[in-house]
């Protein structure tokens, strides 16, 4: 076998290898429906976890009302509280506090997106966002972030009371 024949065989092997790899990747690639199902499962787990964390926070500060967040903004939970600050002269001022933690709806980007927004006494104290590709999601890291954000809010709220 001369060099020209061996070269041709090497090229053919390389092409077959590329085609095999492409077929394997196509078989592993998730369909859009599989992505939606995966997002739904992960969203349910995280939104339940956020609801539980916010429930514990509301128990520590009486007056907060817990609500479920569902819709085009996402799924999760929020706690809100309205206070009145009475000033000398009889005029009162409403003070609004809220913490919302929600998983954003499924998108074509195929990510799991967790968002939090905290307001204390009419002042926004933080806005947080974390996302990962659906196929690479580590739910423990999302839970830890939820814990961190709720604890951060609790500390700021307690300091501002």
N, C-alpha and C. Protein backbone atom coordinates (compact mmCIF):
# COMPACT_ATOMS: atom_id res chain seq x y z
N UNK A 1 0.85 -1.17 0.00
CA UNK A 1 0.00 0.00 0.00
C UNK A 1 0.91 1.24 0.00
N UNK A 2 0.68 2.10 -0.95
CA UNK A 2 1.52 3.30 -1.04
C UNK A 2 0.97 4.42 -0.15
N UNK A 3 1.71 5.50 -0.08
CA UNK A 3 1.35 6.62 0.80
C UNK A 3 -0.01 7.20 0.43
N UNK A 4 -0.32 7.33 -0.82
CA UNK A 4 -1.57 7.92 -1.28
C UNK A 4 -2.76 7.10 -0.77
N UNK A 5 -2.69 5.79 -0.81
CA UNK A 5 -3.75 4.93 -0.32
C UNK A 5 -3.90 5.03 1.19
N UNK A 6 -2.78 5.04 1.90
CA UNK A 6 -2.83 5.16 3.37
C UNK A 6 -3.41 6.52 3.76
N UNK A 7 -3.06 7.55 3.04
CA UNK A 7 -3.61 8.88 3.31
C UNK A 7 -5.12 8.88 3.11
N UNK A 8 -5.58 8.28 2.05
CA UNK A 8 -7.01 8.22 1.78
C UNK A 8 -7.75 7.45 2.88
N UNK A 9 -7.17 6.34 3.34
CA UNK A 9 -7.78 5.53 4.42
C UNK A 9 -7.84 6.34 5.72
N UNK A 10 -6.78 7.10 6.03
CA UNK A 10 -6.75 7.93 7.24
C UNK A 10 -7.85 8.99 7.19
N UNK A 11 -8.03 9.59 6.04
CA UNK A 11 -9.07 10.60 5.87
C UNK A 11 -10.45 9.97 6.06
N UNK A 12 -10.67 8.82 5.49
CA UNK A 12 -11.95 8.12 5.64
C UNK A 12 -12.23 7.77 7.09
N UNK A 13 -11.20 7.29 7.82
CA UNK A 13 -11.37 6.98 9.24
C UNK A 13 -11.75 8.24 10.02
N UNK A 14 -11.10 9.34 9.72
CA UNK A 14 -11.41 10.61 10.39
C UNK A 14 -12.84 11.05 10.12
N UNK A 15 -13.29 10.91 8.91
CA UNK A 15 -14.66 11.29 8.56
C UNK A 15 -15.68 10.40 9.27
N UNK A 16 -15.39 9.09 9.31
CA UNK A 16 -16.29 8.17 10.04
C UNK A 16 -16.33 8.52 11.51
N UNK A 17 -15.19 8.84 12.08
CA UNK A 17 -15.13 9.22 13.50
C UNK A 17 -15.97 10.47 13.76
N UNK A 18 -15.85 11.47 12.88
CA UNK A 18 -16.62 12.70 13.02
C UNK A 18 -18.11 12.41 12.92
N UNK A 19 -18.52 11.57 11.98
CA UNK A 19 -19.93 11.23 11.80
C UNK A 19 -20.47 10.47 13.01
N UNK A 20 -19.66 9.54 13.55
CA UNK A 20 -20.07 8.79 14.73
C UNK A 20 -20.26 9.73 15.92
N UNK A 21 -19.33 10.65 16.08
CA UNK A 21 -19.42 11.61 17.18
C UNK A 21 -20.65 12.49 17.04
N UNK A 22 -20.95 12.93 15.85
CA UNK A 22 -22.13 13.75 15.60
C UNK A 22 -23.41 12.98 15.91
N UNK A 23 -23.45 11.70 15.54
CA UNK A 23 -24.63 10.87 15.85
C UNK A 23 -24.80 10.70 17.35
N UNK A 24 -23.69 10.47 18.07
CA UNK A 24 -23.76 10.34 19.53
C UNK A 24 -24.26 11.62 20.18
N UNK A 25 -23.76 12.76 19.74
CA UNK A 25 -24.20 14.04 20.30
C UNK A 25 -25.67 14.28 20.01
N UNK A 26 -26.13 13.94 18.84
CA UNK A 26 -27.54 14.13 18.50
C UNK A 26 -28.42 13.23 19.37
N UNK A 27 -27.95 12.03 19.64
CA UNK A 27 -28.72 11.12 20.50
C UNK A 27 -28.78 11.63 21.93
N UNK A 28 -27.70 12.29 22.38
CA UNK A 28 -27.65 12.82 23.75
C UNK A 28 -28.39 14.14 23.90
N UNK A 29 -28.52 14.87 22.83
CA UNK A 29 -29.17 16.18 22.90
C UNK A 29 -30.62 16.01 23.34
N UNK A 30 -31.03 16.89 24.22
CA UNK A 30 -32.39 16.81 24.73
C UNK A 30 -33.34 17.50 23.76
N UNK A 31 -34.53 16.97 23.70
CA UNK A 31 -35.56 17.62 22.89
C UNK A 31 -36.13 18.80 23.69
N UNK A 32 -36.83 19.67 23.02
CA UNK A 32 -37.43 20.83 23.68
C UNK A 32 -38.39 20.39 24.79
N UNK A 33 -39.14 19.33 24.53
CA UNK A 33 -40.08 18.83 25.54
C UNK A 33 -39.34 18.29 26.76
N UNK A 34 -38.22 17.63 26.55
CA UNK A 34 -37.43 17.13 27.68
C UNK A 34 -36.88 18.30 28.50
N UNK A 35 -36.46 19.36 27.84
CA UNK A 35 -36.00 20.55 28.56
C UNK A 35 -37.13 21.15 29.40
N UNK A 36 -38.32 21.23 28.82
CA UNK A 36 -39.47 21.78 29.56
C UNK A 36 -39.78 20.93 30.79
N UNK A 37 -39.76 19.62 30.61
CA UNK A 37 -40.04 18.73 31.74
C UNK A 37 -38.99 18.86 32.83
N UNK A 38 -37.73 18.92 32.43
CA UNK A 38 -36.64 19.09 33.40
C UNK A 38 -36.78 20.41 34.14
N UNK A 39 -37.07 21.48 33.42
CA UNK A 39 -37.27 22.80 34.04
C UNK A 39 -38.43 22.74 35.04
N UNK A 40 -39.52 22.09 34.67
CA UNK A 40 -40.68 21.99 35.56
C UNK A 40 -40.34 21.27 36.85
N UNK A 41 -39.62 20.16 36.74
CA UNK A 41 -39.25 19.40 37.95
C UNK A 41 -38.35 20.24 38.86
N UNK A 42 -37.36 20.88 38.27
CA UNK A 42 -36.44 21.68 39.07
C UNK A 42 -37.14 22.92 39.64
N UNK A 43 -38.01 23.51 38.86
CA UNK A 43 -38.76 24.68 39.32
C UNK A 43 -39.64 24.33 40.51
N UNK A 44 -40.32 23.20 40.43
CA UNK A 44 -41.18 22.78 41.55
C UNK A 44 -40.38 22.59 42.83
N UNK A 45 -39.25 21.92 42.71
CA UNK A 45 -38.44 21.68 43.89
C UNK A 45 -37.92 22.98 44.50
N UNK A 46 -37.42 23.87 43.67
CA UNK A 46 -36.87 25.13 44.18
C UNK A 46 -37.95 26.08 44.69
N UNK A 47 -39.09 26.13 44.02
CA UNK A 47 -40.14 27.03 44.49
C UNK A 47 -40.70 26.55 45.83
N UNK A 48 -40.82 25.24 46.02
CA UNK A 48 -41.24 24.70 47.32
C UNK A 48 -40.22 25.04 48.41
N UNK A 49 -38.95 24.94 48.06
CA UNK A 49 -37.90 25.26 49.03
C UNK A 49 -37.93 26.74 49.40
N UNK A 50 -38.09 27.60 48.41
CA UNK A 50 -38.16 29.05 48.67
C UNK A 50 -39.36 29.36 49.54
N UNK A 51 -40.48 28.72 49.27
CA UNK A 51 -41.69 28.94 50.08
C UNK A 51 -41.44 28.56 51.54
N UNK A 52 -40.77 27.45 51.77
CA UNK A 52 -40.49 27.02 53.14
C UNK A 52 -39.55 28.01 53.84
N UNK A 53 -38.51 28.45 53.15
CA UNK A 53 -37.56 29.40 53.75
C UNK A 53 -38.24 30.71 54.11
N UNK A 54 -39.06 31.23 53.20
CA UNK A 54 -39.75 32.48 53.47
C UNK A 54 -40.78 32.32 54.58
N UNK A 55 -41.38 31.14 54.68
CA UNK A 55 -42.30 30.88 55.78
C UNK A 55 -41.61 30.95 57.12
N UNK A 56 -40.39 30.40 57.21
CA UNK A 56 -39.62 30.47 58.45
C UNK A 56 -39.26 31.92 58.78
N UNK A 57 -38.92 32.69 57.77
CA UNK A 57 -38.58 34.10 57.99
C UNK A 57 -39.80 34.87 58.48
N UNK A 58 -40.96 34.63 57.87
CA UNK A 58 -42.19 35.31 58.29
C UNK A 58 -42.55 34.96 59.73
N UNK A 59 -42.25 33.74 60.16
CA UNK A 59 -42.52 33.34 61.53
C UNK A 59 -41.66 34.12 62.53
N UNK A 60 -40.48 34.53 62.11
CA UNK A 60 -39.57 35.26 63.00
C UNK A 60 -39.94 36.73 63.14
N UNK A 61 -40.61 37.28 62.16
CA UNK A 61 -41.00 38.69 62.19
C UNK A 61 -42.51 38.77 62.00
N UNK A 62 -43.27 38.74 63.10
CA UNK A 62 -44.74 38.81 62.98
C UNK A 62 -45.16 40.05 62.19
N UNK A 63 -46.20 39.87 61.40
CA UNK A 63 -46.71 40.96 60.58
C UNK A 63 -46.47 40.73 59.09
N UNK A 64 -45.53 39.86 58.78
CA UNK A 64 -45.31 39.53 57.37
C UNK A 64 -46.40 38.58 56.90
N UNK A 65 -46.87 38.81 55.69
CA UNK A 65 -47.86 37.95 55.07
C UNK A 65 -47.16 37.18 53.95
N UNK A 66 -47.37 35.88 53.93
CA UNK A 66 -46.74 35.06 52.90
C UNK A 66 -47.69 34.90 51.73
N UNK A 67 -47.14 34.91 50.52
CA UNK A 67 -47.95 34.68 49.33
C UNK A 67 -47.19 33.79 48.35
N UNK A 68 -47.93 33.08 47.56
CA UNK A 68 -47.35 32.24 46.52
C UNK A 68 -47.25 33.08 45.25
N UNK A 69 -46.10 33.02 44.60
CA UNK A 69 -45.90 33.73 43.33
C UNK A 69 -46.06 32.72 42.21
N UNK A 70 -46.98 33.00 41.28
CA UNK A 70 -47.24 32.13 40.15
C UNK A 70 -47.63 32.98 38.96
N UNK A 71 -46.99 32.74 37.85
CA UNK A 71 -47.41 33.47 36.66
C UNK A 71 -46.26 33.82 35.75
N UNK A 72 -46.43 34.91 35.01
CA UNK A 72 -45.44 35.28 34.01
C UNK A 72 -44.13 35.76 34.62
N UNK A 73 -44.13 36.15 35.90
CA UNK A 73 -42.88 36.54 36.58
C UNK A 73 -42.11 35.33 37.08
N UNK A 74 -42.78 34.21 37.22
CA UNK A 74 -42.12 33.00 37.69
C UNK A 74 -42.95 32.30 38.75
N UNK A 75 -42.30 31.35 39.44
CA UNK A 75 -42.95 30.57 40.50
C UNK A 75 -42.06 30.61 41.71
N UNK A 76 -42.68 30.83 42.86
CA UNK A 76 -41.92 30.88 44.10
C UNK A 76 -42.80 31.39 45.21
N UNK A 77 -42.23 32.27 46.03
CA UNK A 77 -42.96 32.80 47.16
C UNK A 77 -42.47 34.21 47.48
N UNK A 78 -43.30 34.91 48.24
CA UNK A 78 -42.94 36.26 48.68
C UNK A 78 -43.54 36.50 50.05
N UNK A 79 -42.90 37.38 50.80
CA UNK A 79 -43.47 37.84 52.07
C UNK A 79 -43.53 39.36 51.98
N UNK A 80 -44.62 39.92 52.50
CA UNK A 80 -44.79 41.37 52.47
C UNK A 80 -45.28 41.86 53.83
N UNK A 81 -44.99 43.13 54.06
CA UNK A 81 -45.40 43.74 55.31
C UNK A 81 -45.57 45.24 55.08
N UNK A 82 -46.66 45.78 55.58
CA UNK A 82 -46.91 47.22 55.55
C UNK A 82 -46.91 47.73 56.99
N UNK A 83 -46.08 48.72 57.25
CA UNK A 83 -46.03 49.35 58.57
C UNK A 83 -46.40 50.82 58.41
N UNK A 84 -46.80 51.43 59.50
CA UNK A 84 -47.08 52.86 59.52
C UNK A 84 -46.12 53.49 60.51
N UNK A 85 -45.43 54.51 60.05
CA UNK A 85 -44.51 55.25 60.90
C UNK A 85 -45.19 56.56 61.25
N UNK A 86 -45.61 56.70 62.51
CA UNK A 86 -46.31 57.91 62.94
C UNK A 86 -45.29 58.97 63.32
N UNK A 87 -45.50 60.14 62.77
CA UNK A 87 -44.62 61.28 63.05
C UNK A 87 -45.35 62.26 63.96
N UNK A 88 -44.55 63.14 64.52
CA UNK A 88 -45.15 64.21 65.32
C UNK A 88 -46.03 65.04 64.39
N UNK A 89 -47.17 65.44 64.86
CA UNK A 89 -48.10 66.19 64.02
C UNK A 89 -49.21 65.31 63.48
N UNK A 90 -49.16 64.02 63.77
CA UNK A 90 -50.25 63.13 63.41
C UNK A 90 -50.21 62.54 62.01
N UNK A 91 -49.25 62.93 61.20
CA UNK A 91 -49.19 62.37 59.85
C UNK A 91 -48.39 61.07 59.87
N UNK A 92 -48.95 60.06 59.25
CA UNK A 92 -48.27 58.76 59.18
C UNK A 92 -47.66 58.53 57.81
N UNK A 93 -46.69 57.65 57.79
CA UNK A 93 -46.03 57.30 56.53
C UNK A 93 -46.04 55.78 56.42
N UNK A 94 -46.49 55.27 55.28
CA UNK A 94 -46.50 53.83 55.05
C UNK A 94 -45.10 53.36 54.71
N UNK A 95 -44.71 52.25 55.32
CA UNK A 95 -43.41 51.63 55.07
C UNK A 95 -43.66 50.21 54.58
N UNK A 96 -43.18 49.94 53.39
CA UNK A 96 -43.45 48.67 52.70
C UNK A 96 -42.18 47.83 52.70
N UNK A 97 -42.30 46.56 53.10
CA UNK A 97 -41.18 45.62 53.05
C UNK A 97 -41.63 44.37 52.31
N UNK A 98 -40.72 43.81 51.51
CA UNK A 98 -41.08 42.63 50.73
C UNK A 98 -39.81 41.88 50.34
N UNK A 99 -39.90 40.56 50.36
CA UNK A 99 -38.86 39.70 49.82
C UNK A 99 -39.55 38.68 48.92
N UNK A 100 -39.06 38.60 47.69
CA UNK A 100 -39.61 37.64 46.73
C UNK A 100 -38.47 36.79 46.19
N UNK A 101 -38.69 35.47 46.18
CA UNK A 101 -37.74 34.53 45.59
C UNK A 101 -38.54 33.66 44.62
N UNK A 102 -38.12 33.68 43.34
CA UNK A 102 -38.89 32.96 42.33
C UNK A 102 -37.99 32.38 41.25
N UNK A 103 -38.45 31.28 40.68
CA UNK A 103 -37.80 30.67 39.53
C UNK A 103 -38.50 31.23 38.30
N UNK A 104 -37.73 31.81 37.42
CA UNK A 104 -38.31 32.42 36.22
C UNK A 104 -38.82 31.34 35.27
N UNK A 105 -39.79 31.72 34.41
CA UNK A 105 -40.38 30.75 33.48
C UNK A 105 -39.35 30.18 32.49
N UNK A 106 -39.73 29.06 31.91
CA UNK A 106 -38.90 28.39 30.91
C UNK A 106 -38.68 29.32 29.73
N UNK A 107 -37.47 29.31 29.19
CA UNK A 107 -37.16 30.13 28.02
C UNK A 107 -36.37 29.31 27.00
N UNK A 108 -36.20 29.86 25.84
CA UNK A 108 -35.47 29.17 24.78
C UNK A 108 -33.97 29.05 25.09
N UNK A 109 -33.50 29.74 26.13
CA UNK A 109 -32.09 29.66 26.51
C UNK A 109 -31.76 28.39 27.29
N UNK A 110 -32.79 27.66 27.70
CA UNK A 110 -32.63 26.40 28.43
C UNK A 110 -31.80 26.57 29.70
N UNK A 111 -32.21 27.54 30.53
CA UNK A 111 -31.54 27.76 31.80
C UNK A 111 -32.57 27.71 32.92
N UNK A 112 -32.08 27.39 34.11
CA UNK A 112 -32.87 27.52 35.32
C UNK A 112 -32.42 28.82 35.95
N UNK A 113 -33.35 29.76 36.11
CA UNK A 113 -33.04 31.12 36.53
C UNK A 113 -33.77 31.42 37.83
N UNK A 114 -33.01 31.65 38.90
CA UNK A 114 -33.57 31.98 40.21
C UNK A 114 -33.34 33.46 40.47
N UNK A 115 -34.39 34.15 40.87
CA UNK A 115 -34.30 35.59 41.10
C UNK A 115 -34.85 35.93 42.47
N UNK A 116 -34.24 36.94 43.11
CA UNK A 116 -34.71 37.42 44.41
C UNK A 116 -34.65 38.94 44.41
N UNK A 117 -35.63 39.52 45.09
CA UNK A 117 -35.66 40.98 45.21
C UNK A 117 -36.15 41.32 46.61
N UNK A 118 -35.38 42.15 47.30
CA UNK A 118 -35.71 42.51 48.67
C UNK A 118 -35.89 44.01 48.83
N UNK A 119 -36.96 44.40 49.53
CA UNK A 119 -37.25 45.79 49.84
C UNK A 119 -37.52 45.88 51.33
N UNK A 120 -36.91 46.87 51.98
CA UNK A 120 -37.13 47.09 53.41
C UNK A 120 -37.48 48.56 53.61
N UNK A 121 -38.65 48.79 54.18
CA UNK A 121 -39.12 50.14 54.50
C UNK A 121 -38.99 51.09 53.30
N UNK A 122 -39.58 50.66 52.18
CA UNK A 122 -39.65 51.43 50.93
C UNK A 122 -38.32 51.55 50.20
N UNK A 123 -37.30 50.86 50.63
CA UNK A 123 -35.99 50.97 49.98
C UNK A 123 -35.57 49.59 49.47
N UNK A 124 -35.27 49.52 48.18
CA UNK A 124 -34.79 48.26 47.63
C UNK A 124 -33.39 48.00 48.17
N UNK A 125 -33.21 46.86 48.83
CA UNK A 125 -31.91 46.56 49.44
C UNK A 125 -31.07 45.60 48.61
N UNK A 126 -31.71 44.78 47.78
CA UNK A 126 -30.94 43.95 46.86
C UNK A 126 -31.82 43.35 45.78
N UNK A 127 -31.17 43.03 44.68
CA UNK A 127 -31.75 42.26 43.59
C UNK A 127 -30.71 41.22 43.22
N UNK A 128 -31.08 39.97 43.27
CA UNK A 128 -30.14 38.89 42.99
C UNK A 128 -30.68 38.01 41.87
N UNK A 129 -29.76 37.39 41.15
CA UNK A 129 -30.12 36.51 40.05
C UNK A 129 -29.04 35.45 39.91
N UNK A 130 -29.45 34.21 39.67
CA UNK A 130 -28.49 33.14 39.43
C UNK A 130 -29.12 32.17 38.44
N UNK A 131 -28.33 31.75 37.46
CA UNK A 131 -28.84 30.80 36.48
C UNK A 131 -27.75 29.83 36.06
N UNK A 132 -28.22 28.64 35.64
CA UNK A 132 -27.33 27.61 35.11
C UNK A 132 -28.07 26.91 33.98
N UNK A 133 -27.30 26.34 33.06
CA UNK A 133 -27.90 25.56 31.97
C UNK A 133 -28.67 24.38 32.56
N UNK A 134 -29.82 24.09 31.99
CA UNK A 134 -30.68 23.04 32.54
C UNK A 134 -29.97 21.69 32.68
N UNK A 135 -29.16 21.33 31.74
CA UNK A 135 -28.48 20.04 31.80
C UNK A 135 -27.37 19.99 32.83
N UNK A 136 -26.98 21.14 33.38
CA UNK A 136 -25.86 21.21 34.32
C UNK A 136 -26.25 21.74 35.70
N UNK A 137 -27.54 21.78 36.00
CA UNK A 137 -28.03 22.39 37.24
C UNK A 137 -27.60 21.58 38.46
N UNK A 138 -27.11 22.30 39.45
CA UNK A 138 -26.80 21.73 40.76
C UNK A 138 -27.82 22.33 41.74
N UNK A 139 -28.87 21.56 42.05
CA UNK A 139 -29.94 22.09 42.90
C UNK A 139 -29.45 22.47 44.29
N UNK A 140 -28.41 21.80 44.78
CA UNK A 140 -27.87 22.16 46.10
C UNK A 140 -27.33 23.58 46.10
N UNK A 141 -26.68 23.98 45.02
CA UNK A 141 -26.15 25.35 44.96
C UNK A 141 -27.29 26.37 44.91
N UNK A 142 -28.39 26.03 44.25
CA UNK A 142 -29.55 26.93 44.23
C UNK A 142 -30.18 27.03 45.62
N UNK A 143 -30.25 25.92 46.34
CA UNK A 143 -30.78 25.94 47.70
C UNK A 143 -29.89 26.80 48.61
N UNK A 144 -28.58 26.62 48.47
CA UNK A 144 -27.65 27.41 49.28
C UNK A 144 -27.79 28.90 48.99
N UNK A 145 -27.97 29.26 47.73
CA UNK A 145 -28.18 30.67 47.39
C UNK A 145 -29.48 31.20 47.97
N UNK A 146 -30.53 30.39 47.92
CA UNK A 146 -31.80 30.79 48.51
C UNK A 146 -31.62 31.04 50.00
N UNK A 147 -30.94 30.12 50.69
CA UNK A 147 -30.64 30.31 52.11
C UNK A 147 -29.88 31.61 52.33
N UNK A 148 -28.84 31.82 51.56
CA UNK A 148 -28.01 33.00 51.70
C UNK A 148 -28.81 34.28 51.51
N UNK A 149 -29.65 34.33 50.49
CA UNK A 149 -30.42 35.54 50.21
C UNK A 149 -31.46 35.80 51.30
N UNK A 150 -32.11 34.75 51.80
CA UNK A 150 -33.09 34.92 52.87
C UNK A 150 -32.40 35.36 54.16
N UNK A 151 -31.25 34.77 54.46
CA UNK A 151 -30.50 35.18 55.65
C UNK A 151 -30.00 36.62 55.54
N UNK A 152 -29.56 37.00 54.36
CA UNK A 152 -29.11 38.38 54.15
C UNK A 152 -30.26 39.36 54.38
N UNK A 153 -31.42 39.02 53.86
CA UNK A 153 -32.59 39.88 54.06
C UNK A 153 -32.96 39.96 55.54
N UNK A 154 -32.95 38.82 56.21
CA UNK A 154 -33.30 38.79 57.64
C UNK A 154 -32.36 39.69 58.44
N UNK A 155 -31.08 39.61 58.15
CA UNK A 155 -30.11 40.43 58.86
C UNK A 155 -30.34 41.92 58.60
N UNK A 156 -30.58 42.27 57.36
CA UNK A 156 -30.82 43.68 57.02
C UNK A 156 -32.13 44.17 57.63
N UNK A 157 -33.15 43.33 57.61
CA UNK A 157 -34.43 43.75 58.19
C UNK A 157 -34.30 43.94 59.70
N UNK A 158 -33.63 43.01 60.36
CA UNK A 158 -33.46 43.11 61.82
C UNK A 158 -32.65 44.35 62.18
N UNK A 159 -31.66 44.69 61.37
CA UNK A 159 -30.84 45.86 61.66
C UNK A 159 -31.60 47.16 61.42
N UNK A 160 -32.60 47.15 60.55
CA UNK A 160 -33.33 48.36 60.20
C UNK A 160 -34.57 48.57 61.04
N UNK A 161 -34.94 47.62 61.84
CA UNK A 161 -36.19 47.73 62.64
C UNK A 161 -36.14 48.75 63.69
